[in-house]
Amino acid sequence: IARHANMGDDEFCHRFLKGFSPENQMEVCCIGLSRPIDEIFSSLEEIERYKAELLSD
């Protein structure tokens, strides 16, 4: 994706993270920035689902 947007990996990563809430930015850092984007999204979805379950109890 970064190549198609004519930006380096570091710049892409910075912009990618900037779009998330501060809480999700921390989660992505814990998950690992080297993982593929689809895995990061999948992990974030699981985390959000878990949080929603905790709040509904």
PDB file of N, CA and C in Angstrom:
ATOM      1  N   ILE A   1       0.839  -1.194   0.000  1.00  0.00           N
ATOM      2  CA  ILE A   1       0.000   0.000   0.000  1.00  0.00           C
ATOM      3  C   ILE A   1       0.875   1.244   0.000  1.00  0.00           C
ATOM      4  N   ALA A   2       1.932   1.229   0.798  1.00  0.00           N
ATOM      5  CA  ALA A   2       2.814   2.399   0.901  1.00  0.00           C
ATOM      6  C   ALA A   2       3.406   2.753  -0.457  1.00  0.00           C
ATOM      7  N   ARG A   3       3.780   1.737  -1.230  1.00  0.00           N
ATOM      8  CA  ARG A   3       4.358   2.008  -2.556  1.00  0.00           C
ATOM      9  C   ARG A   3       3.347   2.672  -3.471  1.00  0.00           C
ATOM     10  N   HIS A   4       2.102   2.220  -3.410  1.00  0.00           N
ATOM     11  CA  HIS A   4       1.057   2.807  -4.253  1.00  0.00           C
ATOM     12  C   HIS A   4       0.750   4.243  -3.845  1.00  0.00           C
ATOM     13  N   ALA A   5       0.961   4.564  -2.599  1.00  0.00           N
ATOM     14  CA  ALA A   5       0.710   5.921  -2.101  1.00  0.00           C
ATOM     15  C   ALA A   5       1.954   6.799  -2.210  1.00  0.00           C
ATOM     16  N   ASN A   6       3.017   6.261  -2.801  1.00  0.00           N
ATOM     17  CA  ASN A   6       4.285   6.988  -2.965  1.00  0.00           C
ATOM     18  C   ASN A   6       4.833   7.513  -1.638  1.00  0.00           C
ATOM     19  N   MET A   7       4.866   6.646  -0.637  1.00  0.00           N
ATOM     20  CA  MET A   7       5.457   7.030   0.641  1.00  0.00           C
ATOM     21  C   MET A   7       6.243   5.844   1.190  1.00  0.00           C
ATOM     22  N   GLY A   8       7.181   6.142   2.050  1.00  0.00           N
ATOM     23  CA  GLY A   8       7.982   5.097   2.669  1.00  0.00           C
ATOM     24  C   GLY A   8       7.202   4.357   3.739  1.00  0.00           C
ATOM     25  N   ASP A   9       7.737   3.234   4.162  1.00  0.00           N
ATOM     26  CA  ASP A   9       7.063   2.431   5.180  1.00  0.00           C
ATOM     27  C   ASP A   9       6.869   3.194   6.486  1.00  0.00           C
ATOM     28  N   ASP A  10       7.891   3.952   6.901  1.00  0.00           N
ATOM     29  CA  ASP A  10       7.781   4.705   8.156  1.00  0.00           C
ATOM     30  C   ASP A  10       6.677   5.749   8.089  1.00  0.00           C
ATOM     31  N   GLU A  11       6.624   6.484   6.974  1.00  0.00           N
ATOM     32  CA  GLU A  11       5.585   7.513   6.823  1.00  0.00           C
ATOM     33  C   GLU A  11       4.202   6.864   6.781  1.00  0.00           C
ATOM     34  N   PHE A  12       4.090   5.765   6.044  1.00  0.00           N
ATOM     35  CA  PHE A  12       2.811   5.066   5.959  1.00  0.00           C
ATOM     36  C   PHE A  12       2.366   4.598   7.340  1.00  0.00           C
ATOM     37  N   CYS A  13       3.298   4.007   8.081  1.00  0.00           N
ATOM     38  CA  CYS A  13       2.997   3.508   9.422  1.00  0.00           C
ATOM     39  C   CYS A  13       2.523   4.648  10.323  1.00  0.00           C
ATOM     40  N   HIS A  14       3.194   5.782  10.257  1.00  0.00           N
ATOM     41  CA  HIS A  14       2.819   6.942  11.072  1.00  0.00           C
ATOM     42  C   HIS A  14       1.412   7.412  10.717  1.00  0.00           C
ATOM     43  N   ARG A  15       1.121   7.524   9.436  1.00  0.00           N
ATOM     44  CA  ARG A  15      -0.218   7.972   9.011  1.00  0.00           C
ATOM     45  C   ARG A  15      -1.285   6.946   9.360  1.00  0.00           C
ATOM     46  N   PHE A  16      -0.933   5.678   9.213  1.00  0.00           N
ATOM     47  CA  PHE A  16      -1.845   4.589   9.539  1.00  0.00           C
ATOM     48  C   PHE A  16      -2.243   4.666  11.011  1.00  0.00           C
ATOM     49  N   LEU A  17      -1.267   4.804  11.882  1.00  0.00           N
ATOM     50  CA  LEU A  17      -1.531   4.885  13.320  1.00  0.00           C
ATOM     51  C   LEU A  17      -2.279   6.149  13.705  1.00  0.00           C
ATOM     52  N   LYS A  18      -1.982   7.243  13.025  1.00  0.00           N
ATOM     53  CA  LYS A  18      -2.604   8.530  13.344  1.00  0.00           C
ATOM     54  C   LYS A  18      -4.129   8.475  13.193  1.00  0.00           C
ATOM     55  N   GLY A  19      -4.620   7.575  12.352  1.00  0.00           N
ATOM     56  CA  GLY A  19      -6.055   7.446  12.123  1.00  0.00           C
ATOM     57  C   GLY A  19      -6.804   6.730  13.237  1.00  0.00           C
ATOM     58  N   PHE A  20      -6.082   6.107  14.148  1.00  0.00           N
ATOM     59  CA  PHE A  20      -6.706   5.377  15.246  1.00  0.00           C
ATOM     60  C   PHE A  20      -6.835   6.246  16.486  1.00  0.00           C
ATOM     61  N   SER A  21      -7.720   5.831  17.379  1.00  0.00           N
ATOM     62  CA  SER A  21      -7.827   6.497  18.682  1.00  0.00           C
ATOM     63  C   SER A  21      -6.529   6.235  19.447  1.00  0.00           C
ATOM     64  N   PRO A  22      -6.211   7.085  20.430  1.00  0.00           N
ATOM     65  CA  PRO A  22      -4.987   6.853  21.223  1.00  0.00           C
ATOM     66  C   PRO A  22      -4.951   5.458  21.854  1.00  0.00           C
ATOM     67  N   GLU A  23      -6.102   4.994  22.312  1.00  0.00           N
ATOM     68  CA  GLU A  23      -6.165   3.659  22.922  1.00  0.00           C
ATOM     69  C   GLU A  23      -5.826   2.571  21.899  1.00  0.00           C
ATOM     70  N   ASN A  24      -6.397   2.687  20.696  1.00  0.00           N
ATOM     71  CA  ASN A  24      -6.110   1.696  19.661  1.00  0.00           C
ATOM     72  C   ASN A  24      -4.681   1.816  19.141  1.00  0.00           C
ATOM     73  N   GLN A  25      -4.111   3.011  19.174  1.00  0.00           N
ATOM     74  CA  GLN A  25      -2.707   3.168  18.793  1.00  0.00           C
ATOM     75  C   GLN A  25      -1.824   2.343  19.715  1.00  0.00           C
ATOM     76  N   MET A  26      -2.122   2.377  21.011  1.00  0.00           N
ATOM     77  CA  MET A  26      -1.357   1.582  21.975  1.00  0.00           C
ATOM     78  C   MET A  26      -1.543   0.092  21.719  1.00  0.00           C
ATOM     79  N   GLU A  27      -2.776  -0.303  21.415  1.00  0.00           N
ATOM     80  CA  GLU A  27      -3.045  -1.716  21.125  1.00  0.00           C
ATOM     81  C   GLU A  27      -2.242  -2.179  19.915  1.00  0.00           C
ATOM     82  N   VAL A  28      -2.212  -1.363  18.859  1.00  0.00           N
ATOM     83  CA  VAL A  28      -1.471  -1.727  17.648  1.00  0.00           C
ATOM     84  C   VAL A  28       0.010  -1.869  17.963  1.00  0.00           C
ATOM     85  N   CYS A  29       0.539  -0.991  18.781  1.00  0.00           N
ATOM     86  CA  CYS A  29       1.953  -1.095  19.163  1.00  0.00           C
ATOM     87  C   CYS A  29       2.209  -2.390  19.920  1.00  0.00           C
ATOM     88  N   CYS A  30       1.276  -2.788  20.770  1.00  0.00           N
ATOM     89  CA  CYS A  30       1.419  -4.050  21.513  1.00  0.00           C
ATOM     90  C   CYS A  30       1.272  -5.260  20.591  1.00  0.00           C
ATOM     91  N   ILE A  31       0.358  -5.167  19.632  1.00  0.00           N
ATOM     92  CA  ILE A  31       0.136  -6.256  18.679  1.00  0.00           C
ATOM     93  C   ILE A  31       1.374  -6.445  17.810  1.00  0.00           C
ATOM     94  N   GLY A  32       1.956  -5.347  17.394  1.00  0.00           N
ATOM     95  CA  GLY A  32       3.154  -5.401  16.561  1.00  0.00           C
ATOM     96  C   GLY A  32       2.914  -4.786  15.200  1.00  0.00           C
ATOM     97  N   LEU A  33       3.658  -3.755  14.907  1.00  0.00           N
ATOM     98  CA  LEU A  33       3.492  -3.039  13.642  1.00  0.00           C
ATOM     99  C   LEU A  33       3.998  -3.824  12.446  1.00  0.00           C
ATOM    100  N   SER A  34       4.772  -4.863  12.685  1.00  0.00           N
ATOM    101  CA  SER A  34       5.319  -5.637  11.572  1.00  0.00           C
ATOM    102  C   SER A  34       4.318  -6.655  11.031  1.00  0.00           C
ATOM    103  N   ARG A  35       3.209  -6.835  11.735  1.00  0.00           N
ATOM    104  CA  ARG A  35       2.193  -7.777  11.271  1.00  0.00           C
ATOM    105  C   ARG A  35       1.425  -7.183  10.097  1.00  0.00           C
ATOM    106  N   PRO A  36       0.880  -8.031   9.223  1.00  0.00           N
ATOM    107  CA  PRO A  36       0.075  -7.533   8.102  1.00  0.00           C
ATOM    108  C   PRO A  36      -1.141  -6.750   8.600  1.00  0.00           C
ATOM    109  N   ILE A  37      -1.562  -5.778   7.812  1.00  0.00           N
ATOM    110  CA  ILE A  37      -2.675  -4.907   8.197  1.00  0.00           C
ATOM    111  C   ILE A  37      -3.943  -5.700   8.489  1.00  0.00           C
ATOM    112  N   ASP A  38      -4.240  -6.715   7.679  1.00  0.00           N
ATOM    113  CA  ASP A  38      -5.467  -7.482   7.923  1.00  0.00           C
ATOM    114  C   ASP A  38      -5.420  -8.199   9.270  1.00  0.00           C
ATOM    115  N   GLU A  39      -4.240  -8.640   9.705  1.00  0.00           N
ATOM    116  CA  GLU A  39      -4.113  -9.255  11.029  1.00  0.00           C
ATOM    117  C   GLU A  39      -4.292  -8.214  12.134  1.00  0.00           C
ATOM    118  N   ILE A  40      -3.762  -7.018  11.919  1.00  0.00           N
ATOM    119  CA  ILE A  40      -3.928  -5.941  12.904  1.00  0.00           C
ATOM    120  C   ILE A  40      -5.408  -5.605  13.051  1.00  0.00           C
ATOM    121  N   PHE A  41      -6.117  -5.442  11.923  1.00  0.00           N
ATOM    122  CA  PHE A  41      -7.548  -5.142  11.977  1.00  0.00           C
ATOM    123  C   PHE A  41      -8.312  -6.257  12.679  1.00  0.00           C
ATOM    124  N   SER A  42      -7.971  -7.488  12.368  1.00  0.00           N
ATOM    125  CA  SER A  42      -8.635  -8.626  12.982  1.00  0.00           C
ATOM    126  C   SER A  42      -8.432  -8.630  14.496  1.00  0.00           C
ATOM    127  N   SER A  43      -7.221  -8.371  14.927  1.00  0.00           N
ATOM    128  CA  SER A  43      -6.923  -8.320  16.362  1.00  0.00           C
ATOM    129  C   SER A  43      -7.666  -7.180  17.041  1.00  0.00           C
ATOM    130  N   LEU A  44      -7.706  -6.014  16.393  1.00  0.00           N
ATOM    131  CA  LEU A  44      -8.432  -4.878  16.969  1.00  0.00           C
ATOM    132  C   LEU A  44      -9.926  -5.177  17.079  1.00  0.00           C
ATOM    133  N   GLU A  45     -10.484  -5.865  16.082  1.00  0.00           N
ATOM    134  CA  GLU A  45     -11.899  -6.244  16.145  1.00  0.00           C
ATOM    135  C   GLU A  45     -12.158  -7.160  17.335  1.00  0.00           C
ATOM    136  N   GLU A  46     -11.264  -8.126  17.565  1.00  0.00           N
ATOM    137  CA  GLU A  46     -11.408  -9.029  18.704  1.00  0.00           C
ATOM    138  C   GLU A  46     -11.341  -8.260  20.022  1.00  0.00           C
ATOM    139  N   ILE A  47     -10.416  -7.324  20.119  1.00  0.00           N
ATOM    140  CA  ILE A  47     -10.270  -6.516  21.332  1.00  0.00           C
ATOM    141  C   ILE A  47     -11.533  -5.700  21.579  1.00  0.00           C
ATOM    142  N   GLU A  48     -12.058  -5.060  20.530  1.00  0.00           N
ATOM    143  CA  GLU A  48     -13.271  -4.246  20.669  1.00  0.00           C
ATOM    144  C   GLU A  48     -14.463  -5.111  21.067  1.00  0.00           C
ATOM    145  N   ARG A  49     -14.568  -6.307  20.483  1.00  0.00           N
ATOM    146  CA  ARG A  49     -15.651  -7.225  20.836  1.00  0.00           C
ATOM    147  C   ARG A  49     -15.550  -7.627  22.311  1.00  0.00           C
ATOM    148  N   TYR A  50     -14.347  -7.919  22.753  1.00  0.00           N
ATOM    149  CA  TYR A  50     -14.114  -8.298  24.152  1.00  0.00           C
ATOM    150  C   TYR A  50     -14.487  -7.148  25.092  1.00  0.00           C
ATOM    151  N   LYS A  51     -14.082  -5.930  24.743  1.00  0.00           N
ATOM    152  CA  LYS A  51     -14.416  -4.767  25.574  1.00  0.00           C
ATOM    153  C   LYS A  51     -15.928  -4.568  25.651  1.00  0.00           C
ATOM    154  N   ALA A  52     -16.611  -4.729  24.518  1.00  0.00           N
ATOM    155  CA  ALA A  52     -18.067  -4.566  24.487  1.00  0.00           C
ATOM    156  C   ALA A  52     -18.743  -5.604  25.379  1.00  0.00           C
ATOM    157  N   GLU A  53     -18.236  -6.839  25.360  1.00  0.00           N
ATOM    158  CA  GLU A  53     -18.792  -7.887  26.218  1.00  0.00           C
ATOM    159  C   GLU A  53     -18.594  -7.545  27.691  1.00  0.00           C
ATOM    160  N   LEU A  54     -17.430  -7.027  28.029  1.00  0.00           N
ATOM    161  CA  LEU A  54     -17.160  -6.650  29.417  1.00  0.00           C
ATOM    162  C   LEU A  54     -18.097  -5.547  29.889  1.00  0.00           C
ATOM    163  N   LEU A  55     -18.358  -4.582  29.016  1.00  0.00           N
ATOM    164  CA  LEU A  55     -19.219  -3.459  29.377  1.00  0.00           C
ATOM    165  C   LEU A  55     -20.688  -3.868  29.481  1.00  0.00           C
ATOM    166  N   SER A  56     -21.085  -4.899  28.739  1.00  0.00           N
ATOM    167  CA  SER A  56     -22.490  -5.303  28.749  1.00  0.00           C
ATOM    168  C   SER A  56     -22.836  -6.192  29.941  1.00  0.00           C
ATOM    169  N   ASP A  57     -21.830  -6.700  30.628  1.00  0.00           N
ATOM    170  CA  ASP A  57     -22.084  -7.579  31.789  1.00  0.00           C
ATOM    171  C   ASP A  57     -22.504  -6.815  32.988  1.00  0.00           C
TER     172      ASP A  57
END
